Protein backbone atom coordinates (compact mmCIF):
# COMPACT_ATOMS: atom_id res chain seq x y z
CA MET A 1 12.07 36.88 -6.22
CA THR A 2 11.46 33.20 -6.85
CA ALA A 3 8.79 31.22 -5.07
CA MET A 4 10.07 28.85 -2.43
CA THR A 5 9.29 25.18 -2.62
CA LEU A 6 7.40 23.55 0.21
CA ARG A 7 10.65 21.91 1.36
CA GLU A 8 12.41 25.28 1.52
CA GLU A 9 9.50 26.82 3.41
CA LEU A 10 9.52 24.01 5.96
CA ILE A 11 13.28 24.17 6.42
CA GLU A 12 13.06 27.91 7.00
CA LYS A 13 10.24 27.54 9.54
CA ILE A 14 11.95 24.69 11.35
CA ALA A 15 15.18 26.72 11.59
CA ARG A 16 13.29 29.37 13.58
CA LEU A 17 11.76 26.96 16.12
CA PRO A 18 13.03 26.87 19.67
CA GLU A 19 14.83 23.74 20.86
CA ALA A 20 11.86 22.47 22.91
CA GLN A 21 9.56 22.54 19.89
CA LEU A 22 12.21 20.85 17.77
CA ARG A 23 12.31 17.99 20.27
CA ALA A 24 8.52 17.78 20.13
CA ILE A 25 8.34 17.48 16.33
CA ALA A 26 11.43 15.30 15.90
CA PRO A 27 9.53 11.99 16.33
CA ILE A 28 6.98 13.07 13.72
CA ILE A 29 9.68 13.96 11.22
CA ASP A 30 11.59 10.73 12.00
CA LYS A 31 8.44 8.65 11.40
CA ALA A 32 7.70 10.44 8.11
CA ALA A 33 11.29 9.93 6.95
CA GLN A 34 11.15 6.23 7.80
CA GLU A 35 7.86 5.79 5.93
CA ALA A 36 9.30 7.55 2.91
CA GLN A 37 12.24 5.13 2.85
CA SER A 38 10.16 1.98 3.49
CA PRO A 39 8.87 -0.08 0.59
CA SER A 40 5.81 1.33 -1.08
CA SER A 41 2.41 -0.06 -0.24
CA PHE A 42 2.30 -1.80 -3.63
CA ASP A 43 5.56 -3.75 -3.25
CA TRP A 44 3.50 -6.59 -1.82
CA LEU A 45 1.69 -6.77 -5.14
CA GLU A 46 4.95 -7.28 -7.03
CA ASP A 47 5.88 -9.99 -4.53
CA ALA A 48 2.51 -11.67 -5.01
CA ARG A 49 2.86 -11.65 -8.77
CA ALA A 50 6.37 -13.13 -8.53
CA PHE A 51 5.05 -15.82 -6.20
CA ARG A 52 2.21 -16.62 -8.61
CA GLU A 53 4.70 -16.99 -11.44
CA GLN A 54 6.86 -19.32 -9.31
CA MET A 55 3.82 -21.46 -8.48
CA ASN A 56 2.71 -21.51 -12.13
CA ALA A 57 6.20 -22.61 -13.20
CA LYS A 58 6.26 -25.34 -10.54
CA TYR A 59 2.66 -26.61 -10.65
CA GLY A 60 1.15 -25.19 -13.83
CA LEU A 61 -1.79 -22.86 -14.01
CA MET A 62 -3.96 -22.85 -10.88
CA PRO A 63 -7.73 -22.60 -11.02
CA ASP A 64 -9.11 -19.11 -10.74
CA SER A 65 -11.15 -19.02 -7.51
CA ALA A 66 -13.01 -15.87 -8.58
CA GLU A 67 -14.15 -17.59 -11.77
CA THR A 68 -15.25 -20.64 -9.79
CA LEU A 69 -17.37 -18.43 -7.52
CA ARG A 70 -18.91 -16.66 -10.54
CA ARG A 71 -19.82 -20.01 -12.09
CA MET A 72 -21.42 -21.16 -8.82
CA ARG A 73 -23.49 -18.00 -8.62
CA GLU A 74 -24.73 -18.47 -12.16
CA GLU A 75 -25.58 -22.14 -11.65
CA ARG A 76 -27.26 -21.86 -8.24
CA PRO A 77 -28.59 -18.36 -7.67
CA ASP A 78 -31.61 -19.53 -5.64
CA ASP A 79 -29.49 -21.56 -3.19
CA ILE A 80 -27.05 -18.74 -2.69
CA MET A 81 -29.81 -16.19 -2.08
CA GLY A 82 -31.62 -18.52 0.29
CA LEU A 83 -34.65 -18.92 -1.91
CA ARG A 84 -34.70 -22.74 -1.64
């Protein structure tokens, strides 16, 4: 006998449920199915990278704000930490 996959186990269990319980779990299954079909949580990252490339092509390289903050921290650590 071969081991059943999780999908097969769930299908078998769902097939045995009474109609009332099927109605109760239907919204949960619908939501999970919609989430599975929606864009992944990292699609925004691809969009952000594409946008950055468009801006670089149009305006040239933009200053790196993180690098600017690092430089400020190195130049003025006492001011930032409230020691002056």
